[in-house]
Amino acid sequence: MGADNGTTPFHAGTQNDCGLHTIASLTGWSEPTVVQKLGLSEQDVKDISAHGMQPDTVTAAFKHINNGNVEHRQGTADDLVKGLAQFPEGHQFALGMQRDSGIGHLVSAKRVGDRLDITDRQINQTTSVRSEQELQQYLQQQGASKIHTWYDK
């Protein structure tokens, strides 16, 4: 698994890990297929469920699936809001929200016209935001203090 570089894991402490759900959401695969494609053992899945996935572990998983063609960026909610225009129509990316409380959350996002659809497959919910202000509100509601994005290069 990933090295601890002073960041917090995404959604530790659940048997229903958001990292694996987000990878499944972006690839269109089932969660068991994600586990198989990543070559995870039953113990690996238990470790992920117990401790979450560090950002470098998420990066490694996406690189494994996408033959290394993954870009990982981190910054603030403002950085994401200001950079949203860089994502073309139909572009999907993983959105990691790190919280000061220590446990973050990982979801998938897709640009659809003038809106951004944010899918939390863990709870089977999609939230559509249509403005920078709505995106800021969503990120504030999630308690995001640092933002991570992963997308195809």
C-alpha atoms as a PDB file:
ATOM      1  CA  MET A   1       0.000   0.000   0.000  1.00  0.00           C
ATOM      2  CA  GLY A   2       1.046   3.656  -0.165  1.00  0.00           C
ATOM      3  CA  ALA A   3       3.555   5.390   2.032  1.00  0.00           C
ATOM      4  CA  ASP A   4       2.395   7.889   4.637  1.00  0.00           C
ATOM      5  CA  ASN A   5       3.387  11.319   3.359  1.00  0.00           C
ATOM      6  CA  GLY A   6       1.515  13.372   5.939  1.00  0.00           C
ATOM      7  CA  THR A   7      -1.824  13.162   4.168  1.00  0.00           C
ATOM      8  CA  THR A   8      -4.962  11.499   5.394  1.00  0.00           C
ATOM      9  CA  PRO A   9      -6.562   8.451   3.794  1.00  0.00           C
ATOM     10  CA  PHE A  10      -9.857   8.558   1.950  1.00  0.00           C
ATOM     11  CA  HIS A  11     -12.757   7.072   3.912  1.00  0.00           C
ATOM     12  CA  ALA A  12     -11.060   4.699   6.292  1.00  0.00           C
ATOM     13  CA  GLY A  13     -13.011   2.462   8.616  1.00  0.00           C
ATOM     14  CA  THR A  14     -15.725   1.051   6.405  1.00  0.00           C
ATOM     15  CA  GLN A  15     -16.340  -2.154   4.521  1.00  0.00           C
ATOM     16  CA  ASN A  16     -17.769   0.052   1.795  1.00  0.00           C
ATOM     17  CA  ASP A  17     -14.644   1.908   0.649  1.00  0.00           C
ATOM     18  CA  CYS A  18     -15.158   5.015  -1.480  1.00  0.00           C
ATOM     19  CA  GLY A  19     -11.816   4.572  -3.279  1.00  0.00           C
ATOM     20  CA  LEU A  20     -12.801   1.266  -4.837  1.00  0.00           C
ATOM     21  CA  HIS A  21     -16.292   2.621  -5.600  1.00  0.00           C
ATOM     22  CA  THR A  22     -14.825   5.672  -7.340  1.00  0.00           C
ATOM     23  CA  ILE A  23     -12.500   3.561  -9.477  1.00  0.00           C
ATOM     24  CA  ALA A  24     -15.508   1.407 -10.398  1.00  0.00           C
ATOM     25  CA  SER A  25     -17.544   4.494 -11.248  1.00  0.00           C
ATOM     26  CA  LEU A  26     -14.870   5.911 -13.556  1.00  0.00           C
ATOM     27  CA  THR A  27     -14.121   2.628 -15.321  1.00  0.00           C
ATOM     28  CA  GLY A  28     -17.663   1.297 -15.548  1.00  0.00           C
ATOM     29  CA  TRP A  29     -16.536  -1.913 -13.840  1.00  0.00           C
ATOM     30  CA  SER A  30     -18.102  -3.636 -10.865  1.00  0.00           C
ATOM     31  CA  GLU A  31     -16.250  -3.428  -7.554  1.00  0.00           C
ATOM     32  CA  PRO A  32     -15.181  -7.116  -7.751  1.00  0.00           C
ATOM     33  CA  THR A  33     -13.740  -6.429 -11.223  1.00  0.00           C
ATOM     34  CA  VAL A  34     -11.786  -3.457  -9.831  1.00  0.00           C
ATOM     35  CA  VAL A  35     -10.365  -5.679  -7.094  1.00  0.00           C
ATOM     36  CA  GLN A  36      -9.418  -8.315  -9.686  1.00  0.00           C
ATOM     37  CA  LYS A  37      -7.898  -5.810 -12.184  1.00  0.00           C
ATOM     38  CA  LEU A  38      -5.807  -4.241  -9.416  1.00  0.00           C
ATOM     39  CA  GLY A  39      -4.673  -7.673  -8.268  1.00  0.00           C
ATOM     40  CA  LEU A  40      -5.851  -7.051  -4.715  1.00  0.00           C
ATOM     41  CA  SER A  41      -5.970  -9.918  -2.265  1.00  0.00           C
ATOM     42  CA  GLU A  42      -8.739 -10.349   0.279  1.00  0.00           C
ATOM     43  CA  GLN A  43      -6.308  -8.992   2.883  1.00  0.00           C
ATOM     44  CA  ASP A  44      -5.575  -5.925   0.697  1.00  0.00           C
ATOM     45  CA  VAL A  45      -9.306  -5.186   0.529  1.00  0.00           C
ATOM     46  CA  LYS A  46      -9.608  -5.597   4.312  1.00  0.00           C
ATOM     47  CA  ASP A  47      -6.642  -3.236   4.799  1.00  0.00           C
ATOM     48  CA  ILE A  48      -8.180  -0.651   2.453  1.00  0.00           C
ATOM     49  CA  SER A  49     -11.512  -0.955   4.255  1.00  0.00           C
ATOM     50  CA  ALA A  50      -9.851  -0.585   7.655  1.00  0.00           C
ATOM     51  CA  HIS A  51      -7.365   2.179   6.813  1.00  0.00           C
ATOM     52  CA  GLY A  52      -8.581   3.854   3.614  1.00  0.00           C
ATOM     53  CA  MET A  53      -6.439   4.714   0.624  1.00  0.00           C
ATOM     54  CA  GLN A  54      -3.684   7.301   0.792  1.00  0.00           C
ATOM     55  CA  PRO A  55      -3.542   9.674  -2.207  1.00  0.00           C
ATOM     56  CA  ASP A  56      -0.404   7.958  -3.527  1.00  0.00           C
ATOM     57  CA  THR A  57      -2.211   4.594  -3.358  1.00  0.00           C
ATOM     58  CA  VAL A  58      -5.108   6.034  -5.362  1.00  0.00           C
ATOM     59  CA  THR A  59      -2.603   7.392  -7.899  1.00  0.00           C
ATOM     60  CA  ALA A  60      -0.893   4.006  -8.178  1.00  0.00           C
ATOM     61  CA  ALA A  61      -4.259   2.271  -8.711  1.00  0.00           C
ATOM     62  CA  PHE A  62      -5.287   4.670 -11.475  1.00  0.00           C
ATOM     63  CA  LYS A  63      -1.871   4.391 -13.138  1.00  0.00           C
ATOM     64  CA  HIS A  64      -2.135   0.596 -13.052  1.00  0.00           C
ATOM     65  CA  ILE A  65      -5.554   0.682 -14.699  1.00  0.00           C
ATOM     66  CA  ASN A  66      -4.669   3.413 -17.237  1.00  0.00           C
ATOM     67  CA  ASN A  67      -1.176   2.226 -18.221  1.00  0.00           C
ATOM     68  CA  GLY A  68       0.427   5.150 -16.402  1.00  0.00           C
ATOM     69  CA  ASN A  69      -1.619   7.843 -18.151  1.00  0.00           C
ATOM     70  CA  VAL A  70      -2.873   9.577 -15.016  1.00  0.00           C
ATOM     71  CA  GLU A  71      -2.269  13.067 -13.693  1.00  0.00           C
ATOM     72  CA  HIS A  72      -2.672  13.745  -9.960  1.00  0.00           C
ATOM     73  CA  ARG A  73      -3.021  17.314  -8.736  1.00  0.00           C
ATOM     74  CA  GLN A  74      -3.697  18.693  -5.311  1.00  0.00           C
ATOM     75  CA  GLY A  75      -4.715  22.102  -4.114  1.00  0.00           C
ATOM     76  CA  THR A  76      -7.565  23.994  -2.534  1.00  0.00           C
ATOM     77  CA  ALA A  77     -11.264  24.094  -3.301  1.00  0.00           C
ATOM     78  CA  ASP A  78     -10.644  27.501  -4.912  1.00  0.00           C
ATOM     79  CA  ASP A  79      -8.022  25.930  -7.199  1.00  0.00           C
ATOM     80  CA  LEU A  80     -10.554  23.355  -8.395  1.00  0.00           C
ATOM     81  CA  VAL A  81     -13.289  25.925  -8.929  1.00  0.00           C
ATOM     82  CA  LYS A  82     -10.966  28.220 -10.892  1.00  0.00           C
ATOM     83  CA  GLY A  83      -9.560  25.342 -12.965  1.00  0.00           C
ATOM     84  CA  LEU A  84     -12.885  23.746 -13.796  1.00  0.00           C
ATOM     85  CA  ALA A  85     -12.923  25.264 -17.278  1.00  0.00           C
ATOM     86  CA  GLN A  86      -9.853  23.168 -18.199  1.00  0.00           C
ATOM     87  CA  PHE A  87     -11.967  20.003 -18.180  1.00  0.00           C
ATOM     88  CA  PRO A  88     -13.572  19.468 -21.599  1.00  0.00           C
ATOM     89  CA  GLU A  89     -17.156  18.359 -22.182  1.00  0.00           C
ATOM     90  CA  GLY A  90     -17.682  14.749 -21.094  1.00  0.00           C
ATOM     91  CA  HIS A  91     -14.390  14.601 -19.199  1.00  0.00           C
ATOM     92  CA  GLN A  92     -14.427  12.445 -16.062  1.00  0.00           C
ATOM     93  CA  PHE A  93     -12.092  12.658 -13.116  1.00  0.00           C
ATOM     94  CA  ALA A  94     -11.747  11.432  -9.568  1.00  0.00           C
ATOM     95  CA  LEU A  95     -12.235  14.072  -6.890  1.00  0.00           C
ATOM     96  CA  GLY A  96     -10.658  13.521  -3.495  1.00  0.00           C
ATOM     97  CA  MET A  97     -11.740  15.758  -0.641  1.00  0.00           C
ATOM     98  CA  GLN A  98      -9.325  15.761   2.255  1.00  0.00           C
ATOM     99  CA  ARG A  99     -10.738  16.950   5.562  1.00  0.00           C
ATOM    100  CA  ASP A 100      -9.002  18.481   8.555  1.00  0.00           C
ATOM    101  CA  SER A 101     -10.818  15.868  10.655  1.00  0.00           C
ATOM    102  CA  GLY A 102      -8.551  13.241   9.129  1.00  0.00           C
ATOM    103  CA  ILE A 103     -10.830  11.133   6.963  1.00  0.00           C
ATOM    104  CA  GLY A 104     -11.385  12.213   3.404  1.00  0.00           C
ATOM    105  CA  HIS A 105     -13.825  11.154   0.734  1.00  0.00           C
ATOM    106  CA  LEU A 106     -13.397  10.185  -2.910  1.00  0.00           C
ATOM    107  CA  VAL A 107     -16.027  10.584  -5.639  1.00  0.00           C
ATOM    108  CA  SER A 108     -16.142  10.766  -9.427  1.00  0.00           C
ATOM    109  CA  ALA A 109     -17.048  13.865 -11.399  1.00  0.00           C
ATOM    110  CA  LYS A 110     -18.014  14.484 -15.007  1.00  0.00           C
ATOM    111  CA  ARG A 111     -18.370  17.696 -16.952  1.00  0.00           C
ATOM    112  CA  VAL A 112     -21.721  17.738 -18.759  1.00  0.00           C
ATOM    113  CA  GLY A 113     -22.320  20.988 -20.609  1.00  0.00           C
ATOM    114  CA  ASP A 114     -22.581  23.818 -18.108  1.00  0.00           C
ATOM    115  CA  ARG A 115     -22.733  21.542 -15.089  1.00  0.00           C
ATOM    116  CA  LEU A 116     -20.533  19.172 -13.151  1.00  0.00           C
ATOM    117  CA  ASP A 117     -22.112  15.876 -12.090  1.00  0.00           C
ATOM    118  CA  ILE A 118     -20.502  14.534  -8.914  1.00  0.00           C
ATOM    119  CA  THR A 119     -21.260  10.861  -8.313  1.00  0.00           C
ATOM    120  CA  ASP A 120     -20.840   9.276  -4.917  1.00  0.00           C
ATOM    121  CA  ARG A 121     -21.240   5.620  -5.851  1.00  0.00           C
ATOM    122  CA  GLN A 122     -20.790   4.585  -2.243  1.00  0.00           C
ATOM    123  CA  ILE A 123     -24.217   6.020  -1.410  1.00  0.00           C
ATOM    124  CA  ASN A 124     -25.570   5.913  -4.987  1.00  0.00           C
ATOM    125  CA  GLN A 125     -26.090   9.670  -5.236  1.00  0.00           C
ATOM    126  CA  THR A 126     -25.303  12.177  -7.989  1.00  0.00           C
ATOM    127  CA  THR A 127     -25.143  15.884  -7.238  1.00  0.00           C
ATOM    128  CA  SER A 128     -25.192  18.372 -10.114  1.00  0.00           C
ATOM    129  CA  VAL A 129     -23.581  21.770  -9.651  1.00  0.00           C
ATOM    130  CA  ARG A 130     -24.058  24.499 -12.228  1.00  0.00           C
ATOM    131  CA  SER A 131     -21.904  27.322 -10.942  1.00  0.00           C
ATOM    132  CA  GLU A 132     -18.651  27.986  -9.167  1.00  0.00           C
ATOM    133  CA  GLN A 133     -20.681  29.027  -6.117  1.00  0.00           C
ATOM    134  CA  GLU A 134     -22.605  25.727  -6.062  1.00  0.00           C
ATOM    135  CA  LEU A 135     -19.346  23.779  -6.352  1.00  0.00           C
ATOM    136  CA  GLN A 136     -17.860  25.810  -3.477  1.00  0.00           C
ATOM    137  CA  GLN A 137     -20.963  25.065  -1.383  1.00  0.00           C
ATOM    138  CA  TYR A 138     -20.739  21.331  -2.153  1.00  0.00           C
ATOM    139  CA  LEU A 139     -17.064  21.228  -1.165  1.00  0.00           C
ATOM    140  CA  GLN A 140     -17.761  23.202   2.028  1.00  0.00           C
ATOM    141  CA  GLN A 141     -20.592  20.819   2.949  1.00  0.00           C
ATOM    142  CA  GLN A 142     -18.130  17.944   2.558  1.00  0.00           C
ATOM    143  CA  GLY A 143     -15.663  19.712   4.865  1.00  0.00           C
ATOM    144  CA  ALA A 144     -12.963  19.675   2.187  1.00  0.00           C
ATOM    145  CA  SER A 145      -9.776  21.456   3.232  1.00  0.00           C
ATOM    146  CA  LYS A 146      -7.577  20.094   0.444  1.00  0.00           C
ATOM    147  CA  ILE A 147      -8.634  18.834  -2.975  1.00  0.00           C
ATOM    148  CA  HIS A 148      -7.081  16.074  -5.075  1.00  0.00           C
ATOM    149  CA  THR A 149      -7.966  15.331  -8.688  1.00  0.00           C
ATOM    150  CA  TRP A 150      -6.967  12.388 -10.853  1.00  0.00           C
ATOM    151  CA  TYR A 151      -7.609  12.378 -14.579  1.00  0.00           C
ATOM    152  CA  ASP A 152      -6.292  10.877 -17.804  1.00  0.00           C
ATOM    153  CA  LYS A 153      -3.360  12.767 -19.284  1.00  0.00           C
END
